Each structure stands twice: as structure tokens, then as C-alpha cells.
Amino acid sequence: MSQYTTTDFAECPLFDKLTPEELQNVVNLLSIEEYPAGETILVEGRSHAAIWIVLEGRCRVTKRTKDGGQHDLAIVERMRTFGEMSFFHPAPHSATVIADTDVTVARLDRARYHSLVDQGSQAALKIVINTVGVVSERLRQMDEFAGEIIDAKAHTSATFFGVS
């Protein structure tokens, strides 16, 4: 962990508005992991109760398709996070995350997070509020994407039936 300081983590939206002391307490709970390019970090359908923060490199988020293929959903870059949904709502991961390049991540597991909750730390509440913001922005982007698909299908159907 010595390579990364609280100043580095202050750039992560998950830690927005944490005091320096709160941030240090959270950073002390993180574990650092490295993955080579191409390695799977988490698998759709499985469950790991952790939030990952990309410190170096880039990850690719993919979703299985009905025909057994994969569709890329997103790229996660430096100081961005993944794993939040399964962290706060125990359920299988909705997608797979693969190291797109060599990646270094910080990992906060639920048990360590709950140590903050048990201490009554305001950092735990701030992390939840910040996570809601991150996930809400992703949902907003997905809504826009779904709207574009619906619009394209409606246009294709109308054209197919001779309606302009």
C-alpha cells in the first residue's frame, strides 16, 4: 500500500467529501491486488462482496449474451470503481470484469466496510451516498442507451412496414 497515499484515493468519487482522517481509516482497510492483462477479476453470476478501485490500468466490463457470446458494456479506468451492486445488495454479479491491461486495484471487502459501520464512522455513510451517485449516473447512461435502442427498433419497424 505504501505506493499509494490518501492523496491518490482522494481522486476516487467513492471517497468524495471524506475528511483526511476518514479517508486514512478507509485506506487502511484496503487490500492491493494486481492482475495481468486478460485475467478475469470477477465473473458474472458469482458473488464477491467487495468494491474494487482501479489504481493503475484499465478494466473491461462484459455481459454474456443469450447466444453465449460477450458484449462489452464499459471500460473502467483509474480511480473508478466496480462491484458496487453486489457489495451493497448481496446478489450475483451482473457482469464480468476483465483486466484490459495490467491492472492494480484496491479492494474493500464488505467485512472490512462493516467495521466502519460498527464504529459509527461517518465515512461508511459517505461511501454509501457516493456509491448511490456513481450507480445513479450509470443507470442514467443505461436509460439513454435503452432509449436509443428503442428508437432504433421503432424506426426499423416503421420502415419495414412502410411507415416513415
N, C-alpha and C. Protein backbone atom coordinates (compact mmCIF):
# COMPACT_ATOMS: atom_id res chain seq x y z
N MET A 1 0.83 -1.20 0.00
CA MET A 1 0.00 0.00 0.00
C MET A 1 0.86 1.25 0.00
N SER A 2 2.12 1.15 0.34
CA SER A 2 2.98 2.32 0.50
C SER A 2 3.10 3.16 -0.76
N GLN A 3 2.90 2.56 -1.93
CA GLN A 3 3.00 3.30 -3.18
C GLN A 3 1.84 4.28 -3.33
N TYR A 4 0.71 4.01 -2.71
CA TYR A 4 -0.48 4.83 -2.85
C TYR A 4 -0.76 5.56 -1.54
N THR A 5 -1.11 6.83 -1.67
CA THR A 5 -1.36 7.66 -0.49
C THR A 5 -2.82 8.07 -0.46
N THR A 6 -3.22 8.67 0.64
CA THR A 6 -4.59 9.17 0.73
C THR A 6 -4.84 10.21 -0.36
N THR A 7 -3.82 10.93 -0.77
CA THR A 7 -3.97 11.92 -1.84
C THR A 7 -4.42 11.23 -3.13
N ASP A 8 -3.85 10.06 -3.44
CA ASP A 8 -4.28 9.30 -4.61
C ASP A 8 -5.75 8.93 -4.51
N PHE A 9 -6.15 8.40 -3.37
CA PHE A 9 -7.52 7.92 -3.19
C PHE A 9 -8.54 9.05 -3.13
N ALA A 10 -8.09 10.25 -2.79
CA ALA A 10 -9.00 11.40 -2.75
C ALA A 10 -9.59 11.69 -4.12
N GLU A 11 -8.93 11.21 -5.19
CA GLU A 11 -9.43 11.40 -6.56
C GLU A 11 -10.60 10.47 -6.88
N CYS A 12 -10.82 9.46 -6.09
CA CYS A 12 -11.87 8.48 -6.35
C CYS A 12 -13.23 9.03 -5.91
N PRO A 13 -14.22 9.05 -6.82
CA PRO A 13 -15.54 9.57 -6.46
C PRO A 13 -16.17 8.87 -5.26
N LEU A 14 -15.80 7.64 -5.00
CA LEU A 14 -16.34 6.90 -3.86
C LEU A 14 -15.99 7.57 -2.53
N PHE A 15 -14.87 8.31 -2.53
CA PHE A 15 -14.38 8.91 -1.29
C PHE A 15 -14.58 10.42 -1.24
N ASP A 16 -15.45 10.93 -2.10
CA ASP A 16 -15.74 12.36 -2.13
C ASP A 16 -16.25 12.82 -0.76
N LYS A 17 -15.73 13.93 -0.30
CA LYS A 17 -16.14 14.58 0.96
C LYS A 17 -15.75 13.84 2.23
N LEU A 18 -14.88 12.81 2.12
CA LEU A 18 -14.34 12.21 3.34
C LEU A 18 -13.27 13.15 3.88
N THR A 19 -13.22 13.28 5.19
CA THR A 19 -12.16 14.07 5.80
C THR A 19 -10.84 13.32 5.63
N PRO A 20 -9.70 14.00 5.78
CA PRO A 20 -8.43 13.28 5.68
C PRO A 20 -8.34 12.10 6.66
N GLU A 21 -8.85 12.29 7.87
CA GLU A 21 -8.80 11.20 8.85
C GLU A 21 -9.71 10.03 8.43
N GLU A 22 -10.92 10.34 7.95
CA GLU A 22 -11.82 9.29 7.48
C GLU A 22 -11.20 8.53 6.31
N LEU A 23 -10.63 9.28 5.38
CA LEU A 23 -10.01 8.65 4.22
C LEU A 23 -8.87 7.74 4.64
N GLN A 24 -8.05 8.18 5.57
CA GLN A 24 -6.94 7.35 6.05
C GLN A 24 -7.47 6.06 6.68
N ASN A 25 -8.54 6.16 7.46
CA ASN A 25 -9.13 4.97 8.07
C ASN A 25 -9.61 3.98 7.00
N VAL A 26 -10.21 4.50 5.93
CA VAL A 26 -10.68 3.63 4.85
C VAL A 26 -9.51 3.03 4.10
N VAL A 27 -8.53 3.84 3.77
CA VAL A 27 -7.35 3.35 3.03
C VAL A 27 -6.66 2.22 3.81
N ASN A 28 -6.65 2.32 5.12
CA ASN A 28 -6.05 1.27 5.94
C ASN A 28 -6.79 -0.07 5.81
N LEU A 29 -8.03 -0.04 5.35
CA LEU A 29 -8.84 -1.26 5.21
C LEU A 29 -8.70 -1.91 3.83
N LEU A 30 -8.07 -1.20 2.89
CA LEU A 30 -7.99 -1.68 1.51
C LEU A 30 -6.86 -2.70 1.34
N SER A 31 -7.09 -3.65 0.45
CA SER A 31 -6.01 -4.55 0.05
C SER A 31 -5.69 -4.24 -1.42
N ILE A 32 -4.44 -4.39 -1.78
CA ILE A 32 -3.98 -4.11 -3.14
C ILE A 32 -3.79 -5.44 -3.87
N GLU A 33 -4.32 -5.51 -5.08
CA GLU A 33 -4.22 -6.71 -5.89
C GLU A 33 -3.76 -6.33 -7.29
N GLU A 34 -3.04 -7.23 -7.93
CA GLU A 34 -2.58 -7.00 -9.31
C GLU A 34 -3.08 -8.12 -10.20
N TYR A 35 -3.48 -7.76 -11.41
CA TYR A 35 -3.97 -8.72 -12.40
C TYR A 35 -3.29 -8.43 -13.73
N PRO A 36 -2.80 -9.47 -14.40
CA PRO A 36 -2.22 -9.26 -15.73
C PRO A 36 -3.33 -9.03 -16.76
N ALA A 37 -2.99 -8.39 -17.86
CA ALA A 37 -3.95 -8.16 -18.94
C ALA A 37 -4.60 -9.48 -19.34
N GLY A 38 -5.91 -9.46 -19.49
CA GLY A 38 -6.66 -10.65 -19.90
C GLY A 38 -7.21 -11.47 -18.76
N GLU A 39 -6.74 -11.25 -17.54
CA GLU A 39 -7.23 -12.04 -16.41
C GLU A 39 -8.60 -11.54 -15.96
N THR A 40 -9.46 -12.49 -15.61
CA THR A 40 -10.80 -12.17 -15.11
C THR A 40 -10.71 -11.84 -13.63
N ILE A 41 -11.29 -10.71 -13.27
CA ILE A 41 -11.27 -10.27 -11.87
C ILE A 41 -12.53 -10.73 -11.16
N LEU A 42 -13.68 -10.55 -11.79
CA LEU A 42 -14.91 -11.10 -11.23
C LEU A 42 -15.77 -11.62 -12.37
N VAL A 43 -16.58 -12.62 -12.03
CA VAL A 43 -17.33 -13.36 -13.03
C VAL A 43 -18.83 -13.16 -12.83
N GLU A 44 -19.50 -12.85 -13.94
CA GLU A 44 -20.96 -12.72 -13.93
C GLU A 44 -21.57 -14.00 -13.35
N GLY A 45 -22.53 -13.82 -12.44
CA GLY A 45 -23.19 -14.96 -11.84
C GLY A 45 -22.59 -15.41 -10.52
N ARG A 46 -21.36 -15.04 -10.27
CA ARG A 46 -20.74 -15.34 -8.97
C ARG A 46 -20.89 -14.13 -8.08
N SER A 47 -20.50 -14.26 -6.84
CA SER A 47 -20.64 -13.12 -5.93
C SER A 47 -19.40 -12.97 -5.05
N HIS A 48 -18.82 -11.80 -5.10
CA HIS A 48 -17.71 -11.42 -4.23
C HIS A 48 -18.14 -10.11 -3.58
N ALA A 49 -18.26 -10.09 -2.30
CA ALA A 49 -18.73 -8.91 -1.60
C ALA A 49 -17.59 -7.91 -1.43
N ALA A 50 -17.26 -7.23 -2.52
CA ALA A 50 -16.17 -6.25 -2.49
C ALA A 50 -16.42 -5.16 -3.52
N ILE A 51 -15.81 -4.03 -3.26
CA ILE A 51 -15.74 -2.94 -4.23
C ILE A 51 -14.28 -2.83 -4.64
N TRP A 52 -14.05 -2.77 -5.94
CA TRP A 52 -12.70 -2.62 -6.46
C TRP A 52 -12.52 -1.21 -6.99
N ILE A 53 -11.35 -0.64 -6.76
CA ILE A 53 -10.98 0.68 -7.26
C ILE A 53 -9.77 0.48 -8.16
N VAL A 54 -9.87 0.91 -9.40
CA VAL A 54 -8.75 0.77 -10.33
C VAL A 54 -7.71 1.82 -9.99
N LEU A 55 -6.52 1.37 -9.63
CA LEU A 55 -5.42 2.29 -9.30
C LEU A 55 -4.54 2.54 -10.52
N GLU A 56 -4.28 1.50 -11.26
CA GLU A 56 -3.45 1.59 -12.47
C GLU A 56 -4.05 0.66 -13.51
N GLY A 57 -4.04 1.08 -14.75
CA GLY A 57 -4.53 0.23 -15.83
C GLY A 57 -5.98 0.49 -16.14
N ARG A 58 -6.58 -0.51 -16.79
CA ARG A 58 -7.94 -0.36 -17.28
C ARG A 58 -8.62 -1.73 -17.29
N CYS A 59 -9.90 -1.76 -16.92
CA CYS A 59 -10.69 -2.99 -16.92
C CYS A 59 -11.84 -2.86 -17.91
N ARG A 60 -12.27 -4.01 -18.40
CA ARG A 60 -13.38 -4.08 -19.34
C ARG A 60 -14.53 -4.83 -18.67
N VAL A 61 -15.72 -4.26 -18.72
CA VAL A 61 -16.91 -4.88 -18.16
C VAL A 61 -17.68 -5.51 -19.32
N THR A 62 -17.97 -6.81 -19.21
CA THR A 62 -18.66 -7.53 -20.29
C THR A 62 -19.89 -8.25 -19.75
N LYS A 63 -20.81 -8.49 -20.65
CA LYS A 63 -22.06 -9.19 -20.31
C LYS A 63 -22.24 -10.35 -21.27
N ARG A 64 -22.61 -11.51 -20.73
CA ARG A 64 -22.90 -12.67 -21.59
C ARG A 64 -24.15 -12.39 -22.42
N THR A 65 -24.12 -12.85 -23.64
CA THR A 65 -25.30 -12.75 -24.49
C THR A 65 -26.02 -14.09 -24.51
N LYS A 66 -27.26 -14.09 -24.96
CA LYS A 66 -28.05 -15.32 -24.99
C LYS A 66 -27.41 -16.40 -25.86
N ASP A 67 -26.67 -15.97 -26.91
CA ASP A 67 -26.05 -16.94 -27.81
C ASP A 67 -24.68 -17.42 -27.31
N GLY A 68 -24.31 -17.03 -26.07
CA GLY A 68 -23.06 -17.48 -25.48
C GLY A 68 -21.87 -16.57 -25.72
N GLY A 69 -22.09 -15.49 -26.45
CA GLY A 69 -21.02 -14.53 -26.68
C GLY A 69 -20.90 -13.55 -25.53
N GLN A 70 -20.12 -12.52 -25.75
CA GLN A 70 -19.95 -11.46 -24.76
C GLN A 70 -20.11 -10.11 -25.44
N HIS A 71 -20.68 -9.18 -24.70
CA HIS A 71 -20.85 -7.82 -25.20
C HIS A 71 -20.17 -6.88 -24.21
N ASP A 72 -19.29 -6.02 -24.71
CA ASP A 72 -18.63 -5.05 -23.84
C ASP A 72 -19.62 -3.98 -23.40
N LEU A 73 -19.66 -3.72 -22.11
CA LEU A 73 -20.56 -2.70 -21.56
C LEU A 73 -19.84 -1.41 -21.22
N ALA A 74 -18.61 -1.53 -20.71
CA ALA A 74 -17.92 -0.33 -20.22
C ALA A 74 -16.44 -0.60 -20.06
N ILE A 75 -15.72 0.49 -19.97
CA ILE A 75 -14.30 0.46 -19.61
C ILE A 75 -14.19 1.19 -18.27
N VAL A 76 -13.47 0.61 -17.33
CA VAL A 76 -13.27 1.22 -16.02
C VAL A 76 -11.80 1.62 -15.94
N GLU A 77 -11.57 2.91 -15.72
CA GLU A 77 -10.21 3.44 -15.70
C GLU A 77 -9.82 3.89 -14.30
N ARG A 78 -8.66 4.49 -14.20
CA ARG A 78 -8.04 4.91 -12.95
C ARG A 78 -9.00 5.66 -12.02
N MET A 79 -9.04 5.21 -10.79
CA MET A 79 -9.83 5.76 -9.70
C MET A 79 -11.33 5.65 -9.91
N ARG A 80 -11.73 4.73 -10.79
CA ARG A 80 -13.13 4.40 -10.94
C ARG A 80 -13.34 3.02 -10.33
N THR A 81 -14.61 2.69 -10.08
CA THR A 81 -14.92 1.51 -9.28
C THR A 81 -15.81 0.51 -10.02
N PHE A 82 -15.81 -0.71 -9.51
CA PHE A 82 -16.76 -1.73 -9.95
C PHE A 82 -17.05 -2.67 -8.78
N GLY A 83 -18.15 -3.40 -8.90
CA GLY A 83 -18.54 -4.35 -7.86
C GLY A 83 -19.53 -3.80 -6.85
N GLU A 84 -19.96 -2.55 -7.04
CA GLU A 84 -20.80 -1.89 -6.03
C GLU A 84 -22.15 -2.58 -5.82
N MET A 85 -22.77 -3.03 -6.91
CA MET A 85 -24.12 -3.61 -6.76
C MET A 85 -24.11 -4.83 -5.86
N SER A 86 -23.18 -5.74 -6.08
CA SER A 86 -23.12 -6.95 -5.26
C SER A 86 -22.56 -6.68 -3.86
N PHE A 87 -21.89 -5.56 -3.71
CA PHE A 87 -21.36 -5.17 -2.41
C PHE A 87 -22.50 -4.77 -1.47
N PHE A 88 -23.39 -3.92 -1.97
CA PHE A 88 -24.46 -3.40 -1.13
C PHE A 88 -25.75 -4.21 -1.19
N HIS A 89 -25.89 -5.02 -2.21
CA HIS A 89 -27.07 -5.88 -2.34
C HIS A 89 -26.58 -7.28 -2.68
N PRO A 90 -26.49 -8.14 -1.67
CA PRO A 90 -25.93 -9.48 -1.90
C PRO A 90 -26.68 -10.22 -3.00
N ALA A 91 -26.06 -10.27 -4.14
CA ALA A 91 -26.61 -10.96 -5.30
C ALA A 91 -25.45 -11.26 -6.23
N PRO A 92 -25.64 -12.16 -7.15
CA PRO A 92 -24.57 -12.45 -8.10
C PRO A 92 -24.22 -11.23 -8.95
N HIS A 93 -22.98 -11.19 -9.38
CA HIS A 93 -22.53 -10.10 -10.25
C HIS A 93 -23.33 -10.12 -11.55
N SER A 94 -23.68 -8.95 -12.03
CA SER A 94 -24.47 -8.83 -13.25
C SER A 94 -23.61 -8.81 -14.50
N ALA A 95 -22.30 -8.76 -14.33
CA ALA A 95 -21.38 -8.72 -15.47
C ALA A 95 -20.03 -9.29 -15.04
N THR A 96 -19.17 -9.49 -16.02
CA THR A 96 -17.81 -9.96 -15.79
C THR A 96 -16.87 -8.78 -15.95
N VAL A 97 -15.82 -8.72 -15.14
CA VAL A 97 -14.81 -7.67 -15.27
C VAL A 97 -13.47 -8.33 -15.55
N ILE A 98 -12.83 -7.87 -16.62
CA ILE A 98 -11.57 -8.43 -17.10
C ILE A 98 -10.53 -7.33 -17.13
N ALA A 99 -9.30 -7.66 -16.73
CA ALA A 99 -8.20 -6.69 -16.84
C ALA A 99 -7.93 -6.47 -18.33
N ASP A 100 -8.17 -5.27 -18.80
CA ASP A 100 -7.94 -4.93 -20.20
C ASP A 100 -6.44 -4.70 -20.45
N THR A 101 -5.77 -4.19 -19.44
CA THR A 101 -4.32 -4.02 -19.42
C THR A 101 -3.83 -4.63 -18.11
N ASP A 102 -2.55 -4.62 -17.85
CA ASP A 102 -2.11 -4.97 -16.50
C ASP A 102 -2.78 -3.99 -15.56
N VAL A 103 -3.33 -4.51 -14.46
CA VAL A 103 -4.16 -3.68 -13.58
C VAL A 103 -3.72 -3.84 -12.14
N THR A 104 -3.73 -2.73 -11.42
CA THR A 104 -3.60 -2.74 -9.97
C THR A 104 -4.90 -2.16 -9.41
N VAL A 105 -5.50 -2.88 -8.49
CA VAL A 105 -6.75 -2.44 -7.89
C VAL A 105 -6.61 -2.43 -6.37
N ALA A 106 -7.41 -1.58 -5.75
CA ALA A 106 -7.58 -1.63 -4.30
C ALA A 106 -8.94 -2.28 -4.07
N ARG A 107 -9.01 -3.12 -3.08
CA ARG A 107 -10.23 -3.88 -2.83
C ARG A 107 -10.70 -3.62 -1.41
N LEU A 108 -11.98 -3.25 -1.30
CA LEU A 108 -12.62 -3.08 0.01
C LEU A 108 -13.67 -4.16 0.13
N ASP A 109 -13.46 -5.11 1.06
CA ASP A 109 -14.47 -6.15 1.21
C ASP A 109 -15.51 -5.73 2.24
N ARG A 110 -16.66 -6.38 2.15
CA ARG A 110 -17.81 -5.99 2.96
C ARG A 110 -17.51 -6.11 4.46
N ALA A 111 -16.79 -7.13 4.87
CA ALA A 111 -16.50 -7.30 6.30
C ALA A 111 -15.69 -6.12 6.83
N ARG A 112 -14.71 -5.68 6.06
CA ARG A 112 -13.91 -4.53 6.50
C ARG A 112 -14.76 -3.25 6.49
N TYR A 113 -15.60 -3.11 5.48
CA TYR A 113 -16.50 -1.95 5.43
C TYR A 113 -17.40 -1.94 6.67
N HIS A 114 -17.91 -3.12 7.04
CA HIS A 114 -18.80 -3.19 8.21
C HIS A 114 -18.07 -2.84 9.50
N SER A 115 -16.76 -2.94 9.52
CA SER A 115 -16.04 -2.48 10.71
C SER A 115 -16.20 -0.96 10.86
N LEU A 116 -16.27 -0.25 9.73
CA LEU A 116 -16.55 1.20 9.79
C LEU A 116 -17.97 1.44 10.30
N VAL A 117 -18.92 0.67 9.78
CA VAL A 117 -20.31 0.80 10.20
C VAL A 117 -20.43 0.56 11.70
N ASP A 118 -19.78 -0.51 12.18
CA ASP A 118 -19.85 -0.86 13.60
C ASP A 118 -19.24 0.22 14.50
N GLN A 119 -18.25 0.96 13.97
CA GLN A 119 -17.63 2.05 14.72
C GLN A 119 -18.47 3.32 14.68
N GLY A 120 -19.52 3.32 13.87
CA GLY A 120 -20.33 4.52 13.71
C GLY A 120 -19.63 5.58 12.88
N SER A 121 -18.71 5.17 12.04
CA SER A 121 -17.92 6.10 11.23
C SER A 121 -18.79 6.79 10.18
N GLN A 122 -18.65 8.11 10.09
CA GLN A 122 -19.34 8.87 9.05
C GLN A 122 -18.82 8.49 7.67
N ALA A 123 -17.61 7.96 7.60
CA ALA A 123 -17.04 7.53 6.32
C ALA A 123 -17.92 6.46 5.68
N ALA A 124 -18.47 5.55 6.47
CA ALA A 124 -19.33 4.50 5.94
C ALA A 124 -20.56 5.10 5.26
N LEU A 125 -21.16 6.08 5.90
CA LEU A 125 -22.33 6.75 5.32
C LEU A 125 -21.95 7.51 4.06
N LYS A 126 -20.85 8.21 4.08
CA LYS A 126 -20.40 8.97 2.91
C LYS A 126 -20.11 8.05 1.73
N ILE A 127 -19.54 6.88 2.00
CA ILE A 127 -19.28 5.92 0.92
C ILE A 127 -20.59 5.46 0.30
N VAL A 128 -21.60 5.20 1.12
CA VAL A 128 -22.91 4.79 0.59
C VAL A 128 -23.49 5.90 -0.28
N ILE A 129 -23.47 7.13 0.21
CA ILE A 129 -24.03 8.25 -0.54
C ILE A 129 -23.29 8.43 -1.86
N ASN A 130 -21.97 8.34 -1.83
CA ASN A 130 -21.18 8.48 -3.06
C ASN A 130 -21.44 7.33 -4.03
N THR A 131 -21.62 6.13 -3.50
CA THR A 131 -21.91 4.98 -4.35
C THR A 131 -23.27 5.15 -5.03
N VAL A 132 -24.24 5.66 -4.30
CA VAL A 132 -25.55 5.93 -4.91
C VAL A 132 -25.39 6.89 -6.08
N GLY A 133 -24.55 7.90 -5.93
CA GLY A 133 -24.31 8.83 -7.03
C GLY A 133 -23.67 8.16 -8.23
N VAL A 134 -22.67 7.32 -7.99
CA VAL A 134 -21.98 6.61 -9.07
C VAL A 134 -22.95 5.67 -9.80
N VAL A 135 -23.70 4.89 -9.04
CA VAL A 135 -24.62 3.93 -9.64
C VAL A 135 -25.77 4.65 -10.35
N SER A 136 -26.23 5.76 -9.80
CA SER A 136 -27.29 6.54 -10.44
C SER A 136 -26.83 7.09 -11.79
N GLU A 137 -25.60 7.53 -11.87
CA GLU A 137 -25.08 8.03 -13.15
C GLU A 137 -25.01 6.90 -14.16
N ARG A 138 -24.60 5.73 -13.73
CA ARG A 138 -24.57 4.58 -14.65
C ARG A 138 -25.97 4.23 -15.12
N LEU A 139 -26.94 4.27 -14.21
CA LEU A 139 -28.33 3.98 -14.57
C LEU A 139 -28.84 5.01 -15.57
N ARG A 140 -28.49 6.27 -15.37
CA ARG A 140 -28.89 7.33 -16.31
C ARG A 140 -28.31 7.03 -17.70
N GLN A 141 -27.06 6.62 -17.76
CA GLN A 141 -26.44 6.28 -19.04
C GLN A 141 -27.12 5.07 -19.68
N MET A 142 -27.48 4.08 -18.87
CA MET A 142 -28.17 2.91 -19.40
C MET A 142 -29.56 3.28 -19.92
N ASP A 143 -30.24 4.20 -19.23
CA ASP A 143 -31.55 4.67 -19.71
C ASP A 143 -31.42 5.32 -21.08
N GLU A 144 -30.39 6.14 -21.24
CA GLU A 144 -30.17 6.78 -22.54
C GLU A 144 -29.88 5.73 -23.61
N PHE A 145 -29.06 4.75 -23.27
CA PHE A 145 -28.71 3.68 -24.20
C PHE A 145 -29.96 2.89 -24.58
N ALA A 146 -30.78 2.53 -23.59
CA ALA A 146 -32.02 1.79 -23.86
C ALA A 146 -32.95 2.62 -24.74
N GLY A 147 -33.03 3.91 -24.49
CA GLY A 147 -33.86 4.78 -25.31
C GLY A 147 -33.41 4.79 -26.76
N GLU A 148 -32.10 4.80 -26.96
CA GLU A 148 -31.56 4.78 -28.33
C GLU A 148 -31.91 3.47 -29.02
N ILE A 149 -31.84 2.37 -28.29
CA ILE A 149 -32.20 1.06 -28.87
C ILE A 149 -33.68 1.04 -29.23
N ILE A 150 -34.52 1.54 -28.34
CA ILE A 150 -35.96 1.57 -28.59
C ILE A 150 -36.25 2.44 -29.81
N ASP A 151 -35.61 3.61 -29.87
CA ASP A 151 -35.80 4.50 -31.02
C ASP A 151 -35.37 3.82 -32.31
N ALA A 152 -34.24 3.14 -32.29
CA ALA A 152 -33.74 2.47 -33.49
C ALA A 152 -34.68 1.35 -33.92
N LYS A 153 -35.19 0.58 -32.95
CA LYS A 153 -36.12 -0.50 -33.27
C LYS A 153 -37.42 0.06 -33.83
N ALA A 154 -37.91 1.13 -33.24
CA ALA A 154 -39.15 1.74 -33.72
C ALA A 154 -38.97 2.24 -35.15
N HIS A 155 -37.83 2.85 -35.43
CA HIS A 155 -37.55 3.36 -36.77
C HIS A 155 -37.43 2.21 -37.76
N THR A 156 -36.75 1.14 -37.36
CA THR A 156 -36.58 -0.03 -38.23
C THR A 156 -37.93 -0.68 -38.49
N SER A 157 -38.75 -0.83 -37.46
CA SER A 157 -40.07 -1.45 -37.62
C SER A 157 -40.95 -0.61 -38.53
N ALA A 158 -40.94 0.71 -38.31
CA ALA A 158 -41.76 1.61 -39.13
C ALA A 158 -41.32 1.55 -40.59
N THR A 159 -40.03 1.53 -40.82
CA THR A 159 -39.51 1.46 -42.19
C THR A 159 -39.90 0.12 -42.82
N PHE A 160 -39.81 -0.96 -42.04
CA PHE A 160 -40.15 -2.29 -42.53
C PHE A 160 -41.62 -2.34 -42.98
N PHE A 161 -42.48 -1.67 -42.20
CA PHE A 161 -43.91 -1.69 -42.52
C PHE A 161 -44.31 -0.55 -43.46
N GLY A 162 -43.33 0.18 -44.01
CA GLY A 162 -43.61 1.24 -44.97
C GLY A 162 -44.08 2.54 -44.37
N VAL A 163 -43.85 2.73 -43.08
CA VAL A 163 -44.23 3.96 -42.40
C VAL A 163 -42.97 4.78 -42.19
N SER A 164 -43.04 6.08 -42.48
CA SER A 164 -41.87 6.91 -42.26
C SER A 164 -42.09 7.83 -41.09
